[in-house]
Amino acid sequence: MNHAEIRPLHLLVGLVEQDAGVVGPVLQRIGADPKAVATATRERLAQLPRVSGAAQPGASRNLTELLDKAEKAIKEFGVCPLLFRRRLH
């Protein structure tokens, strides 16, 4: 995508488009269309500035904060129940 940094939107599109992931089924369970979410996310990503060259993008501050919060939640509550498909049924 040639973006200067990796943002939460990049994570979202990756999770939504994951073939064996849990995000698609969770979105369906709450009445959202995973394909529509992925399309809207990709459209938003297309609006972000692009860079050229061989530089490797780093995590944005927002992504780092999001991952830190997720890690704290996992430590506080134990393993996230969304990791277990059987709990989605």
C-alpha atoms as a PDB file:
ATOM      1  CA  MET A   1       0.000   0.000   0.000  1.00  0.00           C
ATOM      2  CA  ASN A   2       3.053   2.216   0.339  1.00  0.00           C
ATOM      3  CA  HIS A   3       1.873   4.093   3.412  1.00  0.00           C
ATOM      4  CA  ALA A   4       4.314   5.875   5.697  1.00  0.00           C
ATOM      5  CA  GLU A   5       2.974   4.119   8.777  1.00  0.00           C
ATOM      6  CA  ILE A   6       0.823   1.151   9.729  1.00  0.00           C
ATOM      7  CA  ARG A   7      -2.463   2.301  11.218  1.00  0.00           C
ATOM      8  CA  PRO A   8      -5.352   0.564  12.958  1.00  0.00           C
ATOM      9  CA  LEU A   9      -7.161   0.560   9.589  1.00  0.00           C
ATOM     10  CA  HIS A  10      -4.437  -1.715   8.198  1.00  0.00           C
ATOM     11  CA  LEU A  11      -4.977  -4.100  11.097  1.00  0.00           C
ATOM     12  CA  LEU A  12      -8.744  -4.001  10.619  1.00  0.00           C
ATOM     13  CA  VAL A  13      -8.640  -4.843   6.921  1.00  0.00           C
ATOM     14  CA  GLY A  14      -6.179  -7.653   7.607  1.00  0.00           C
ATOM     15  CA  LEU A  15      -8.373  -9.138  10.311  1.00  0.00           C
ATOM     16  CA  VAL A  16     -11.601  -8.785   8.337  1.00  0.00           C
ATOM     17  CA  GLU A  17     -10.109 -10.415   5.237  1.00  0.00           C
ATOM     18  CA  GLN A  18      -8.480 -13.288   7.134  1.00  0.00           C
ATOM     19  CA  ASP A  19      -9.894 -16.563   5.774  1.00  0.00           C
ATOM     20  CA  ALA A  20      -9.903 -18.525   9.026  1.00  0.00           C
ATOM     21  CA  GLY A  21     -10.208 -15.558  11.356  1.00  0.00           C
ATOM     22  CA  VAL A  22     -12.870 -14.757  13.905  1.00  0.00           C
ATOM     23  CA  VAL A  23     -13.525 -11.147  12.930  1.00  0.00           C
ATOM     24  CA  GLY A  24     -15.680 -11.981   9.896  1.00  0.00           C
ATOM     25  CA  PRO A  25     -18.000 -14.269  11.895  1.00  0.00           C
ATOM     26  CA  VAL A  26     -18.190 -11.722  14.725  1.00  0.00           C
ATOM     27  CA  LEU A  27     -19.188  -8.992  12.269  1.00  0.00           C
ATOM     28  CA  GLN A  28     -21.819 -11.273  10.750  1.00  0.00           C
ATOM     29  CA  ARG A  29     -23.121 -12.135  14.200  1.00  0.00           C
ATOM     30  CA  ILE A  30     -23.735  -8.455  14.963  1.00  0.00           C
ATOM     31  CA  GLY A  31     -25.373  -7.908  11.582  1.00  0.00           C
ATOM     32  CA  ALA A  32     -22.485  -6.316   9.684  1.00  0.00           C
ATOM     33  CA  ASP A  33     -21.277  -7.460   6.276  1.00  0.00           C
ATOM     34  CA  PRO A  34     -17.547  -8.305   6.486  1.00  0.00           C
ATOM     35  CA  LYS A  35     -17.049  -7.615   2.773  1.00  0.00           C
ATOM     36  CA  ALA A  36     -18.648  -4.179   3.128  1.00  0.00           C
ATOM     37  CA  VAL A  37     -16.443  -3.431   6.143  1.00  0.00           C
ATOM     38  CA  ALA A  38     -13.335  -4.500   4.210  1.00  0.00           C
ATOM     39  CA  THR A  39     -14.357  -2.427   1.180  1.00  0.00           C
ATOM     40  CA  ALA A  40     -15.044   0.674   3.260  1.00  0.00           C
ATOM     41  CA  THR A  41     -11.760   0.224   5.109  1.00  0.00           C
ATOM     42  CA  ARG A  42      -9.791  -0.176   1.871  1.00  0.00           C
ATOM     43  CA  GLU A  43     -11.479   2.955   0.490  1.00  0.00           C
ATOM     44  CA  ARG A  44     -10.390   4.883   3.563  1.00  0.00           C
ATOM     45  CA  LEU A  45      -6.864   3.502   3.289  1.00  0.00           C
ATOM     46  CA  ALA A  46      -6.737   4.613  -0.350  1.00  0.00           C
ATOM     47  CA  GLN A  47      -7.220   8.200   0.843  1.00  0.00           C
ATOM     48  CA  LEU A  48      -4.112   8.136   3.033  1.00  0.00           C
ATOM     49  CA  PRO A  49      -0.895   9.703   1.774  1.00  0.00           C
ATOM     50  CA  ARG A  50       1.529   7.346   0.060  1.00  0.00           C
ATOM     51  CA  VAL A  51       5.296   7.276   0.094  1.00  0.00           C
ATOM     52  CA  SER A  52       7.770   5.955  -2.421  1.00  0.00           C
ATOM     53  CA  GLY A  53      11.075   4.285  -1.844  1.00  0.00           C
ATOM     54  CA  ALA A  54      12.274   1.311   0.107  1.00  0.00           C
ATOM     55  CA  ALA A  55      11.558   2.613   3.606  1.00  0.00           C
ATOM     56  CA  GLN A  56       9.761   0.173   5.879  1.00  0.00           C
ATOM     57  CA  PRO A  57       6.661   1.639   7.519  1.00  0.00           C
ATOM     58  CA  GLY A  58       6.445   1.587  11.278  1.00  0.00           C
ATOM     59  CA  ALA A  59       3.457   1.341  13.561  1.00  0.00           C
ATOM     60  CA  SER A  60       1.562   4.590  14.068  1.00  0.00           C
ATOM     61  CA  ARG A  61       1.084   5.986  17.541  1.00  0.00           C
ATOM     62  CA  ASN A  62      -2.612   5.060  17.374  1.00  0.00           C
ATOM     63  CA  LEU A  63      -1.818   1.450  16.445  1.00  0.00           C
ATOM     64  CA  THR A  64       0.748   1.190  19.221  1.00  0.00           C
ATOM     65  CA  GLU A  65      -1.773   2.530  21.745  1.00  0.00           C
ATOM     66  CA  LEU A  66      -4.440   0.125  20.467  1.00  0.00           C
ATOM     67  CA  LEU A  67      -2.122  -2.872  20.775  1.00  0.00           C
ATOM     68  CA  ASP A  68      -1.043  -1.764  24.261  1.00  0.00           C
ATOM     69  CA  LYS A  69      -4.696  -1.559  25.352  1.00  0.00           C
ATOM     70  CA  ALA A  70      -5.405  -4.979  23.862  1.00  0.00           C
ATOM     71  CA  GLU A  71      -2.447  -6.472  25.694  1.00  0.00           C
ATOM     72  CA  LYS A  72      -3.593  -4.929  28.984  1.00  0.00           C
ATOM     73  CA  ALA A  73      -7.123  -6.268  28.469  1.00  0.00           C
ATOM     74  CA  ILE A  74      -5.821  -9.763  27.784  1.00  0.00           C
ATOM     75  CA  LYS A  75      -3.673  -9.639  30.929  1.00  0.00           C
ATOM     76  CA  GLU A  76      -6.569  -8.322  33.009  1.00  0.00           C
ATOM     77  CA  PHE A  77      -9.318 -10.597  31.720  1.00  0.00           C
ATOM     78  CA  GLY A  78      -7.336 -13.611  30.550  1.00  0.00           C
ATOM     79  CA  VAL A  79      -7.515 -14.970  27.046  1.00  0.00           C
ATOM     80  CA  CYS A  80      -9.974 -13.072  24.877  1.00  0.00           C
ATOM     81  CA  PRO A  81     -13.137 -15.187  24.393  1.00  0.00           C
ATOM     82  CA  LEU A  82     -13.279 -14.158  20.735  1.00  0.00           C
ATOM     83  CA  LEU A  83     -10.247 -16.353  20.148  1.00  0.00           C
ATOM     84  CA  PHE A  84     -12.429 -19.405  20.620  1.00  0.00           C
ATOM     85  CA  ARG A  85     -14.831 -20.020  17.741  1.00  0.00           C
ATOM     86  CA  ARG A  86     -16.964 -22.383  19.779  1.00  0.00           C
ATOM     87  CA  ARG A  87     -18.090 -19.454  21.928  1.00  0.00           C
ATOM     88  CA  LEU A  88     -19.453 -17.676  18.847  1.00  0.00           C
ATOM     89  CA  HIS A  89     -22.118 -20.307  18.238  1.00  0.00           C
END
